[in-house]
Amino acid sequence: GVDSRYQAMDVPGVFKDARHAQRTFSDPEFREYFMAMG
């Protein structure tokens, strides 16, 4: 409701496991973009 982009963390069928999601969310490029959204 604040910014619809936040739902990107919940995309299905993209991460093969939890550690894959961890590597994605910890990536500097992703972090810089996602943390600035709000």
PDB file of all heavy atoms in Angstrom:
ATOM      1  N   GLY A   1       0.805  -1.209   0.000  1.00  0.00           N
ATOM      2  CA  GLY A   1       0.000   0.000   0.000  1.00  0.00           C
ATOM      3  C   GLY A   1       0.842   1.264   0.000  1.00  0.00           C
ATOM      4  O   GLY A   1       0.387   2.332  -0.406  1.00  0.00           O
ATOM      5  N   VAL A   2       2.096   1.130   0.460  1.00  0.00           N
ATOM      6  CA  VAL A   2       3.039   2.246   0.449  1.00  0.00           C
ATOM      7  C   VAL A   2       3.746   2.316  -0.899  1.00  0.00           C
ATOM      8  O   VAL A   2       3.865   3.378  -1.505  1.00  0.00           O
ATOM      9  CB  VAL A   2       4.079   2.088   1.585  1.00  0.00           C
ATOM     10  CG1 VAL A   2       5.122   3.201   1.532  1.00  0.00           C
ATOM     11  CG2 VAL A   2       3.385   2.067   2.941  1.00  0.00           C
ATOM     12  N   ASP A   3       4.199   1.154  -1.368  1.00  0.00           N
ATOM     13  CA  ASP A   3       4.885   1.058  -2.660  1.00  0.00           C
ATOM     14  C   ASP A   3       4.761  -0.383  -3.128  1.00  0.00           C
ATOM     15  O   ASP A   3       5.245  -1.310  -2.470  1.00  0.00           O
ATOM     16  CB  ASP A   3       6.359   1.446  -2.518  1.00  0.00           C
ATOM     17  CG  ASP A   3       7.056   1.619  -3.865  1.00  0.00           C
ATOM     18  OD1 ASP A   3       6.855   0.765  -4.749  1.00  0.00           O
ATOM     19  OD2 ASP A   3       7.799   2.597  -4.033  1.00  0.00           O
ATOM     20  N   SER A   4       4.103  -0.581  -4.261  1.00  0.00           N
ATOM     21  CA  SER A   4       3.807  -1.935  -4.743  1.00  0.00           C
ATOM     22  C   SER A   4       5.061  -2.724  -5.107  1.00  0.00           C
ATOM     23  O   SER A   4       5.004  -3.947  -5.250  1.00  0.00           O
ATOM     24  CB  SER A   4       2.865  -1.874  -5.941  1.00  0.00           C
ATOM     25  OG  SER A   4       3.417  -1.094  -6.985  1.00  0.00           O
ATOM     26  N   ARG A   5       6.201  -2.061  -5.220  1.00  0.00           N
ATOM     27  CA  ARG A   5       7.440  -2.769  -5.558  1.00  0.00           C
ATOM     28  C   ARG A   5       7.905  -3.696  -4.442  1.00  0.00           C
ATOM     29  O   ARG A   5       8.683  -4.628  -4.685  1.00  0.00           O
ATOM     30  CB  ARG A   5       8.535  -1.765  -5.895  1.00  0.00           C
ATOM     31  CG  ARG A   5       8.321  -1.017  -7.195  1.00  0.00           C
ATOM     32  CD  ARG A   5       9.393   0.043  -7.411  1.00  0.00           C
ATOM     33  NE  ARG A   5       9.330   1.117  -6.427  1.00  0.00           N
ATOM     34  CZ  ARG A   5      10.219   2.094  -6.327  1.00  0.00           C
ATOM     35  NH1 ARG A   5      11.256   2.125  -7.156  1.00  0.00           N
ATOM     36  NH2 ARG A   5      10.082   3.046  -5.422  1.00  0.00           N
ATOM     37  N   TYR A   6       7.436  -3.462  -3.230  1.00  0.00           N
ATOM     38  CA  TYR A   6       7.876  -4.305  -2.115  1.00  0.00           C
ATOM     39  C   TYR A   6       7.512  -5.779  -2.300  1.00  0.00           C
ATOM     40  O   TYR A   6       8.138  -6.657  -1.721  1.00  0.00           O
ATOM     41  CB  TYR A   6       7.288  -3.796  -0.797  1.00  0.00           C
ATOM     42  CG  TYR A   6       8.060  -2.637  -0.182  1.00  0.00           C
ATOM     43  CD1 TYR A   6       7.545  -1.346  -0.201  1.00  0.00           C
ATOM     44  CD2 TYR A   6       9.299  -2.838   0.410  1.00  0.00           C
ATOM     45  CE1 TYR A   6       8.241  -0.279   0.353  1.00  0.00           C
ATOM     46  CE2 TYR A   6      10.004  -1.782   0.970  1.00  0.00           C
ATOM     47  CZ  TYR A   6       9.468  -0.504   0.933  1.00  0.00           C
ATOM     48  OH  TYR A   6      10.181   0.544   1.487  1.00  0.00           O
ATOM     49  N   GLN A   7       6.489  -6.057  -3.095  1.00  0.00           N
ATOM     50  CA  GLN A   7       6.078  -7.446  -3.273  1.00  0.00           C
ATOM     51  C   GLN A   7       7.088  -8.267  -4.074  1.00  0.00           C
ATOM     52  O   GLN A   7       6.965  -9.493  -4.182  1.00  0.00           O
ATOM     53  CB  GLN A   7       4.706  -7.505  -3.935  1.00  0.00           C
ATOM     54  CG  GLN A   7       4.638  -6.937  -5.335  1.00  0.00           C
ATOM     55  CD  GLN A   7       3.218  -6.793  -5.846  1.00  0.00           C
ATOM     56  OE1 GLN A   7       2.413  -7.720  -5.733  1.00  0.00           O
ATOM     57  NE2 GLN A   7       2.898  -5.635  -6.395  1.00  0.00           N
ATOM     58  N   ALA A   8       8.112  -7.624  -4.596  1.00  0.00           N
ATOM     59  CA  ALA A   8       9.115  -8.352  -5.380  1.00  0.00           C
ATOM     60  C   ALA A   8       9.837  -9.419  -4.564  1.00  0.00           C
ATOM     61  O   ALA A   8      10.345 -10.395  -5.127  1.00  0.00           O
ATOM     62  CB  ALA A   8      10.127  -7.379  -5.971  1.00  0.00           C
ATOM     63  N   MET A   9       9.905  -9.257  -3.241  1.00  0.00           N
ATOM     64  CA  MET A   9      10.570 -10.275  -2.423  1.00  0.00           C
ATOM     65  C   MET A   9       9.808 -11.597  -2.429  1.00  0.00           C
ATOM     66  O   MET A   9      10.385 -12.650  -2.130  1.00  0.00           O
ATOM     67  CB  MET A   9      10.731  -9.789  -0.982  1.00  0.00           C
ATOM     68  CG  MET A   9      11.708  -8.639  -0.802  1.00  0.00           C
ATOM     69  SD  MET A   9      12.007  -8.246   0.948  1.00  0.00           S
ATOM     70  CE  MET A   9      13.214  -9.516   1.384  1.00  0.00           C
ATOM     71  N   ASP A  10       8.525 -11.549  -2.743  1.00  0.00           N
ATOM     72  CA  ASP A  10       7.683 -12.743  -2.651  1.00  0.00           C
ATOM     73  C   ASP A  10       7.453 -13.434  -3.984  1.00  0.00           C
ATOM     74  O   ASP A  10       6.581 -14.297  -4.088  1.00  0.00           O
ATOM     75  CB  ASP A  10       6.314 -12.356  -2.048  1.00  0.00           C
ATOM     76  CG  ASP A  10       6.442 -11.854  -0.618  1.00  0.00           C
ATOM     77  OD1 ASP A  10       7.448 -12.170   0.037  1.00  0.00           O
ATOM     78  OD2 ASP A  10       5.531 -11.128  -0.165  1.00  0.00           O
ATOM     79  N   VAL A  11       8.209 -13.059  -5.007  1.00  0.00           N
ATOM     80  CA  VAL A  11       7.959 -13.650  -6.324  1.00  0.00           C
ATOM     81  C   VAL A  11       8.135 -15.164  -6.274  1.00  0.00           C
ATOM     82  O   VAL A  11       9.133 -15.677  -5.764  1.00  0.00           O
ATOM     83  CB  VAL A  11       8.882 -13.033  -7.403  1.00  0.00           C
ATOM     84  CG1 VAL A  11       8.541 -11.582  -7.618  1.00  0.00           C
ATOM     85  CG2 VAL A  11      10.351 -13.192  -7.042  1.00  0.00           C
ATOM     86  N   PRO A  12       7.165 -15.923  -6.787  1.00  0.00           N
ATOM     87  CA  PRO A  12       7.255 -17.391  -6.767  1.00  0.00           C
ATOM     88  C   PRO A  12       8.033 -17.936  -7.953  1.00  0.00           C
ATOM     89  O   PRO A  12       8.142 -17.299  -8.999  1.00  0.00           O
ATOM     90  CB  PRO A  12       5.785 -17.814  -6.845  1.00  0.00           C
ATOM     91  CG  PRO A  12       5.140 -16.718  -7.632  1.00  0.00           C
ATOM     92  CD  PRO A  12       5.870 -15.443  -7.268  1.00  0.00           C
ATOM     93  N   GLY A  13       8.579 -19.107  -7.767  1.00  0.00           N
ATOM     94  CA  GLY A  13       9.238 -19.808  -8.857  1.00  0.00           C
ATOM     95  C   GLY A  13      10.579 -19.241  -9.285  1.00  0.00           C
ATOM     96  O   GLY A  13      11.115 -19.649 -10.319  1.00  0.00           O
ATOM     97  N   VAL A  14      11.140 -18.306  -8.515  1.00  0.00           N
ATOM     98  CA  VAL A  14      12.393 -17.666  -8.895  1.00  0.00           C
ATOM     99  C   VAL A  14      13.574 -18.198  -8.091  1.00  0.00           C
ATOM    100  O   VAL A  14      14.651 -18.444  -8.644  1.00  0.00           O
ATOM    101  CB  VAL A  14      12.293 -16.126  -8.722  1.00  0.00           C
ATOM    102  CG1 VAL A  14      13.655 -15.463  -8.935  1.00  0.00           C
ATOM    103  CG2 VAL A  14      11.266 -15.561  -9.695  1.00  0.00           C
ATOM    104  N   PHE A  15      13.379 -18.398  -6.810  1.00  0.00           N
ATOM    105  CA  PHE A  15      14.475 -18.839  -5.937  1.00  0.00           C
ATOM    106  C   PHE A  15      14.424 -20.349  -5.752  1.00  0.00           C
ATOM    107  O   PHE A  15      13.388 -20.911  -5.394  1.00  0.00           O
ATOM    108  CB  PHE A  15      14.374 -18.148  -4.571  1.00  0.00           C
ATOM    109  CG  PHE A  15      14.227 -16.652  -4.667  1.00  0.00           C
ATOM    110  CD1 PHE A  15      13.086 -16.021  -4.202  1.00  0.00           C
ATOM    111  CD2 PHE A  15      15.216 -15.883  -5.262  1.00  0.00           C
ATOM    112  CE1 PHE A  15      12.940 -14.647  -4.299  1.00  0.00           C
ATOM    113  CE2 PHE A  15      15.082 -14.510  -5.371  1.00  0.00           C
ATOM    114  CZ  PHE A  15      13.936 -13.890  -4.890  1.00  0.00           C
ATOM    115  N   LYS A  16      15.557 -20.984  -5.989  1.00  0.00           N
ATOM    116  CA  LYS A  16      15.561 -22.443  -5.884  1.00  0.00           C
ATOM    117  C   LYS A  16      15.531 -22.913  -4.439  1.00  0.00           C
ATOM    118  O   LYS A  16      15.107 -24.034  -4.147  1.00  0.00           O
ATOM    119  CB  LYS A  16      16.774 -23.027  -6.620  1.00  0.00           C
ATOM    120  CG  LYS A  16      18.120 -22.597  -6.083  1.00  0.00           C
ATOM    121  CD  LYS A  16      19.242 -23.195  -6.922  1.00  0.00           C
ATOM    122  CE  LYS A  16      20.621 -22.815  -6.381  1.00  0.00           C
ATOM    123  NZ  LYS A  16      21.712 -23.389  -7.204  1.00  0.00           N
ATOM    124  N   ASP A  17      15.985 -22.076  -3.518  1.00  0.00           N
ATOM    125  CA  ASP A  17      15.906 -22.383  -2.098  1.00  0.00           C
ATOM    126  C   ASP A  17      16.139 -21.102  -1.298  1.00  0.00           C
ATOM    127  O   ASP A  17      16.348 -20.026  -1.868  1.00  0.00           O
ATOM    128  CB  ASP A  17      16.904 -23.474  -1.684  1.00  0.00           C
ATOM    129  CG  ASP A  17      18.344 -23.151  -2.074  1.00  0.00           C
ATOM    130  OD1 ASP A  17      18.707 -21.948  -2.098  1.00  0.00           O
ATOM    131  OD2 ASP A  17      19.118 -24.088  -2.341  1.00  0.00           O
ATOM    132  N   ALA A  18      16.114 -21.223   0.023  1.00  0.00           N
ATOM    133  CA  ALA A  18      16.245 -20.049   0.889  1.00  0.00           C
ATOM    134  C   ALA A  18      17.605 -19.367   0.745  1.00  0.00           C
ATOM    135  O   ALA A  18      17.699 -18.131   0.801  1.00  0.00           O
ATOM    136  CB  ALA A  18      16.012 -20.452   2.345  1.00  0.00           C
ATOM    137  N   ARG A  19      18.653 -20.155   0.563  1.00  0.00           N
ATOM    138  CA  ARG A  19      19.991 -19.559   0.423  1.00  0.00           C
ATOM    139  C   ARG A  19      20.127 -18.779  -0.880  1.00  0.00           C
ATOM    140  O   ARG A  19      20.838 -17.780  -0.942  1.00  0.00           O
ATOM    141  CB  ARG A  19      21.061 -20.651   0.507  1.00  0.00           C
ATOM    142  CG  ARG A  19      21.182 -21.313   1.872  1.00  0.00           C
ATOM    143  CD  ARG A  19      21.567 -20.304   2.950  1.00  0.00           C
ATOM    144  NE  ARG A  19      21.851 -20.963   4.231  1.00  0.00           N
ATOM    145  CZ  ARG A  19      22.044 -20.330   5.376  1.00  0.00           C
ATOM    146  NH1 ARG A  19      21.984 -19.000   5.408  1.00  0.00           N
ATOM    147  NH2 ARG A  19      22.282 -20.988   6.484  1.00  0.00           N
ATOM    148  N   HIS A  20      19.427 -19.240  -1.911  1.00  0.00           N
ATOM    149  CA  HIS A  20      19.423 -18.499  -3.182  1.00  0.00           C
ATOM    150  C   HIS A  20      18.750 -17.140  -2.975  1.00  0.00           C
ATOM    151  O   HIS A  20      19.227 -16.104  -3.465  1.00  0.00           O
ATOM    152  CB  HIS A  20      18.705 -19.309  -4.257  1.00  0.00           C
ATOM    153  CG  HIS A  20      18.733 -18.683  -5.608  1.00  0.00           C
ATOM    154  ND1 HIS A  20      17.826 -18.993  -6.597  1.00  0.00           N
ATOM    155  CD2 HIS A  20      19.540 -17.726  -6.152  1.00  0.00           C
ATOM    156  CE1 HIS A  20      18.078 -18.291  -7.680  1.00  0.00           C
ATOM    157  NE2 HIS A  20      19.122 -17.502  -7.435  1.00  0.00           N
ATOM    158  N   ALA A  21      17.650 -17.142  -2.214  1.00  0.00           N
ATOM    159  CA  ALA A  21      16.988 -15.872  -1.904  1.00  0.00           C
ATOM    160  C   ALA A  21      17.912 -14.971  -1.088  1.00  0.00           C
ATOM    161  O   ALA A  21      17.984 -13.759  -1.331  1.00  0.00           O
ATOM    162  CB  ALA A  21      15.697 -16.144  -1.127  1.00  0.00           C
ATOM    163  N   GLN A  22      18.636 -15.571  -0.156  1.00  0.00           N
ATOM    164  CA  GLN A  22      19.573 -14.793   0.666  1.00  0.00           C
ATOM    165  C   GLN A  22      20.635 -14.118  -0.199  1.00  0.00           C
ATOM    166  O   GLN A  22      20.929 -12.926  -0.022  1.00  0.00           O
ATOM    167  CB  GLN A  22      20.245 -15.693   1.700  1.00  0.00           C
ATOM    168  CG  GLN A  22      21.269 -14.967   2.572  1.00  0.00           C
ATOM    169  CD  GLN A  22      21.964 -15.881   3.567  1.00  0.00           C
ATOM    170  OE1 GLN A  22      21.742 -17.093   3.581  1.00  0.00           O
ATOM    171  NE2 GLN A  22      22.804 -15.317   4.405  1.00  0.00           N
ATOM    172  N   ARG A  23      21.193 -14.864  -1.136  1.00  0.00           N
ATOM    173  CA  ARG A  23      22.221 -14.286  -2.007  1.00  0.00           C
ATOM    174  C   ARG A  23      21.649 -13.157  -2.863  1.00  0.00           C
ATOM    175  O   ARG A  23      22.319 -12.141  -3.111  1.00  0.00           O
ATOM    176  CB  ARG A  23      22.829 -15.379  -2.890  1.00  0.00           C
ATOM    177  CG  ARG A  23      23.666 -16.403  -2.140  1.00  0.00           C
ATOM    178  CD  ARG A  23      24.457 -17.293  -3.094  1.00  0.00           C
ATOM    179  NE  ARG A  23      23.626 -18.093  -3.970  1.00  0.00           N
ATOM    180  CZ  ARG A  23      23.106 -19.281  -3.658  1.00  0.00           C
ATOM    181  NH1 ARG A  23      23.322 -19.797  -2.455  1.00  0.00           N
ATOM    182  NH2 ARG A  23      22.369 -19.955  -4.535  1.00  0.00           N
ATOM    183  N   THR A  24      20.408 -13.334  -3.290  1.00  0.00           N
ATOM    184  CA  THR A  24      19.768 -12.297  -4.111  1.00  0.00           C
ATOM    185  C   THR A  24      19.535 -11.026  -3.303  1.00  0.00           C
ATOM    186  O   THR A  24      19.899  -9.924  -3.729  1.00  0.00           O
ATOM    187  CB  THR A  24      18.432 -12.816  -4.666  1.00  0.00           C
ATOM    188  OG1 THR A  24      18.665 -14.017  -5.432  1.00  0.00           O
ATOM    189  CG2 THR A  24      17.762 -11.762  -5.549  1.00  0.00           C
ATOM    190  N   PHE A  25      18.939 -11.174  -2.139  1.00  0.00           N
ATOM    191  CA  PHE A  25      18.595 -10.005  -1.326  1.00  0.00           C
ATOM    192  C   PHE A  25      19.835  -9.329  -0.731  1.00  0.00           C
ATOM    193  O   PHE A  25      19.797  -8.140  -0.402  1.00  0.00           O
ATOM    194  CB  PHE A  25      17.635 -10.401  -0.209  1.00  0.00           C
ATOM    195  CG  PHE A  25      16.329 -10.987  -0.686  1.00  0.00           C
ATOM    196  CD1 PHE A  25      15.616 -11.871   0.106  1.00  0.00           C
ATOM    197  CD2 PHE A  25      15.819 -10.660  -1.938  1.00  0.00           C
ATOM    198  CE1 PHE A  25      14.414 -12.420  -0.330  1.00  0.00           C
ATOM    199  CE2 PHE A  25      14.615 -11.208  -2.391  1.00  0.00           C
ATOM    200  CZ  PHE A  25      13.915 -12.088  -1.581  1.00  0.00           C
ATOM    201  N   SER A  26      20.934 -10.077  -0.608  1.00  0.00           N
ATOM    202  CA  SER A  26      22.168  -9.517  -0.050  1.00  0.00           C
ATOM    203  C   SER A  26      23.049  -8.883  -1.119  1.00  0.00           C
ATOM    204  O   SER A  26      24.043  -8.234  -0.787  1.00  0.00           O
ATOM    205  CB  SER A  26      22.967 -10.613   0.671  1.00  0.00           C
ATOM    206  OG  SER A  26      22.208 -11.191   1.713  1.00  0.00           O
ATOM    207  N   ASP A  27      22.699  -9.073  -2.366  1.00  0.00           N
ATOM    208  CA  ASP A  27      23.481  -8.510  -3.462  1.00  0.00           C
ATOM    209  C   ASP A  27      23.503  -6.979  -3.357  1.00  0.00           C
ATOM    210  O   ASP A  27      22.454  -6.355  -3.150  1.00  0.00           O
ATOM    211  CB  ASP A  27      22.861  -8.936  -4.796  1.00  0.00           C
ATOM    212  CG  ASP A  27      23.614  -8.379  -5.985  1.00  0.00           C
ATOM    213  OD1 ASP A  27      24.616  -8.979  -6.387  1.00  0.00           O
ATOM    214  OD2 ASP A  27      23.179  -7.314  -6.491  1.00  0.00           O
ATOM    215  N   PRO A  28      24.667  -6.351  -3.494  1.00  0.00           N
ATOM    216  CA  PRO A  28      24.757  -4.889  -3.334  1.00  0.00           C
ATOM    217  C   PRO A  28      23.826  -4.111  -4.260  1.00  0.00           C
ATOM    218  O   PRO A  28      23.229  -3.108  -3.846  1.00  0.00           O
ATOM    219  CB  PRO A  28      26.229  -4.593  -3.642  1.00  0.00           C
ATOM    220  CG  PRO A  28      26.947  -5.854  -3.294  1.00  0.00           C
ATOM    221  CD  PRO A  28      26.000  -6.966  -3.657  1.00  0.00           C
ATOM    222  N   GLU A  29      23.697  -4.560  -5.510  1.00  0.00           N
ATOM    223  CA  GLU A  29      22.829  -3.838  -6.449  1.00  0.00           C
ATOM    224  C   GLU A  29      21.373  -3.912  -6.011  1.00  0.00           C
ATOM    225  O   GLU A  29      20.652  -2.898  -6.017  1.00  0.00           O
ATOM    226  CB  GLU A  29      22.980  -4.415  -7.858  1.00  0.00           C
ATOM    227  CG  GLU A  29      22.174  -3.657  -8.905  1.00  0.00           C
ATOM    228  CD  GLU A  29      22.298  -4.256 -10.306  1.00  0.00           C
ATOM    229  OE1 GLU A  29      22.888  -5.354 -10.440  1.00  0.00           O
ATOM    230  OE2 GLU A  29      21.780  -3.630 -11.252  1.00  0.00           O
ATOM    231  N   PHE A  30      20.944  -5.111  -5.619  1.00  0.00           N
ATOM    232  CA  PHE A  30      19.558  -5.271  -5.176  1.00  0.00           C
ATOM    233  C   PHE A  30      19.323  -4.501  -3.882  1.00  0.00           C
ATOM    234  O   PHE A  30      18.307  -3.812  -3.726  1.00  0.00           O
ATOM    235  CB  PHE A  30      19.235  -6.754  -4.968  1.00  0.00           C
ATOM    236  CG  PHE A  30      17.777  -7.012  -4.661  1.00  0.00           C
ATOM    237  CD1 PHE A  30      16.876  -7.228  -5.690  1.00  0.00           C
ATOM    238  CD2 PHE A  30      17.307  -7.013  -3.350  1.00  0.00           C
ATOM    239  CE1 PHE A  30      15.524  -7.455  -5.418  1.00  0.00           C
ATOM    240  CE2 PHE A  30      15.966  -7.221  -3.070  1.00  0.00           C
ATOM    241  CZ  PHE A  30      15.075  -7.449  -4.110  1.00  0.00           C
ATOM    242  N   ARG A  31      20.268  -4.611  -2.949  1.00  0.00           N
ATOM    243  CA  ARG A  31      20.118  -3.943  -1.656  1.00  0.00           C
ATOM    244  C   ARG A  31      19.979  -2.422  -1.817  1.00  0.00           C
ATOM    245  O   ARG A  31      19.105  -1.800  -1.216  1.00  0.00           O
ATOM    246  CB  ARG A  31      21.295  -4.264  -0.740  1.00  0.00           C
ATOM    247  CG  ARG A  31      21.188  -3.594   0.642  1.00  0.00           C
ATOM    248  CD  ARG A  31      22.462  -3.786   1.457  1.00  0.00           C
ATOM    249  NE  ARG A  31      22.735  -5.177   1.727  1.00  0.00           N
ATOM    250  CZ  ARG A  31      22.104  -5.899   2.658  1.00  0.00           C
ATOM    251  NH1 ARG A  31      21.168  -5.337   3.405  1.00  0.00           N
ATOM    252  NH2 ARG A  31      22.401  -7.157   2.848  1.00  0.00           N
ATOM    253  N   GLU A  32      20.860  -1.837  -2.606  1.00  0.00           N
ATOM    254  CA  GLU A  32      20.840  -0.391  -2.774  1.00  0.00           C
ATOM    255  C   GLU A  32      19.492   0.081  -3.323  1.00  0.00           C
ATOM    256  O   GLU A  32      18.928   1.079  -2.849  1.00  0.00           O
ATOM    257  CB  GLU A  32      21.970   0.048  -3.703  1.00  0.00           C
ATOM    258  CG  GLU A  32      22.047   1.556  -3.911  1.00  0.00           C
ATOM    259  CD  GLU A  32      23.179   1.980  -4.832  1.00  0.00           C
ATOM    260  OE1 GLU A  32      23.892   1.097  -5.354  1.00  0.00           O
ATOM    261  OE2 GLU A  32      23.336   3.198  -5.033  1.00  0.00           O
ATOM    262  N   TYR A  33      18.984  -0.629  -4.308  1.00  0.00           N
ATOM    263  CA  TYR A  33      17.703  -0.256  -4.914  1.00  0.00           C
ATOM    264  C   TYR A  33      16.554  -0.455  -3.929  1.00  0.00           C
ATOM    265  O   TYR A  33      15.731   0.443  -3.714  1.00  0.00           O
ATOM    266  CB  TYR A  33      17.472  -1.099  -6.166  1.00  0.00           C
ATOM    267  CG  TYR A  33      16.176  -0.788  -6.895  1.00  0.00           C
ATOM    268  CD1 TYR A  33      16.156   0.092  -7.966  1.00  0.00           C
ATOM    269  CD2 TYR A  33      14.974  -1.377  -6.499  1.00  0.00           C
ATOM    270  CE1 TYR A  33      14.974   0.380  -8.642  1.00  0.00           C
ATOM    271  CE2 TYR A  33      13.782  -1.095  -7.152  1.00  0.00           C
ATOM    272  CZ  TYR A  33      13.794  -0.218  -8.219  1.00  0.00           C
ATOM    273  OH  TYR A  33      12.618   0.071  -8.878  1.00  0.00           O
ATOM    274  N   PHE A  34      16.489  -1.641  -3.327  1.00  0.00           N
ATOM    275  CA  PHE A  34      15.328  -2.024  -2.526  1.00  0.00           C
ATOM    276  C   PHE A  34      15.237  -1.233  -1.226  1.00  0.00           C
ATOM    277  O   PHE A  34      14.154  -0.847  -0.794  1.00  0.00           O
ATOM    278  CB  PHE A  34      15.379  -3.525  -2.231  1.00  0.00           C
ATOM    279  CG  PHE A  34      14.021  -4.148  -2.021  1.00  0.00           C
ATOM    280  CD1 PHE A  34      13.235  -4.493  -3.110  1.00  0.00           C
ATOM    281  CD2 PHE A  34      13.538  -4.387  -0.746  1.00  0.00           C
ATOM    282  CE1 PHE A  34      11.988  -5.067  -2.929  1.00  0.00           C
ATOM    283  CE2 PHE A  34      12.285  -4.963  -0.561  1.00  0.00           C
ATOM    284  CZ  PHE A  34      11.513  -5.304  -1.648  1.00  0.00           C
ATOM    285  N   MET A  35      16.371  -0.976  -0.609  1.00  0.00           N
ATOM    286  CA  MET A  35      16.362  -0.273   0.670  1.00  0.00           C
ATOM    287  C   MET A  35      16.016   1.203   0.524  1.00  0.00           C
ATOM    288  O   MET A  35      15.610   1.851   1.486  1.00  0.00           O
ATOM    289  CB  MET A  35      17.711  -0.428   1.369  1.00  0.00           C
ATOM    290  CG  MET A  35      18.004  -1.833   1.875  1.00  0.00           C
ATOM    291  SD  MET A  35      16.975  -2.352   3.292  1.00  0.00           S
ATOM    292  CE  MET A  35      15.546  -3.105   2.492  1.00  0.00           C
ATOM    293  N   ALA A  36      16.178   1.744  -0.675  1.00  0.00           N
ATOM    294  CA  ALA A  36      15.879   3.175  -0.894  1.00  0.00           C
ATOM    295  C   ALA A  36      14.431   3.422  -1.308  1.00  0.00           C
ATOM    296  O   ALA A  36      13.995   4.574  -1.350  1.00  0.00           O
ATOM    297  CB  ALA A  36      16.822   3.735  -1.959  1.00  0.00           C
ATOM    298  N   MET A  37      13.667   2.351  -1.577  1.00  0.00           N
ATOM    299  CA  MET A  37      12.345   2.517  -2.178  1.00  0.00           C
ATOM    300  C   MET A  37      11.381   3.322  -1.315  1.00  0.00           C
ATOM    301  O   MET A  37      10.579   4.094  -1.822  1.00  0.00           O
ATOM    302  CB  MET A  37      11.723   1.144  -2.482  1.00  0.00           C
ATOM    303  CG  MET A  37      12.382   0.419  -3.627  1.00  0.00           C
ATOM    304  SD  MET A  37      11.454  -1.023  -4.204  1.00  0.00           S
ATOM    305  CE  MET A  37      10.926  -1.813  -2.701  1.00  0.00           C
ATOM    306  N   GLY A  38      11.440   3.156  -0.010  1.00  0.00           N
ATOM    307  CA  GLY A  38      10.432   3.774   0.839  1.00  0.00           C
ATOM    308  C   GLY A  38      10.813   5.111   1.433  1.00  0.00           C
ATOM    309  O   GLY A  38      10.015   5.703   2.175  1.00  0.00           O
TER     310      GLY A  38
END
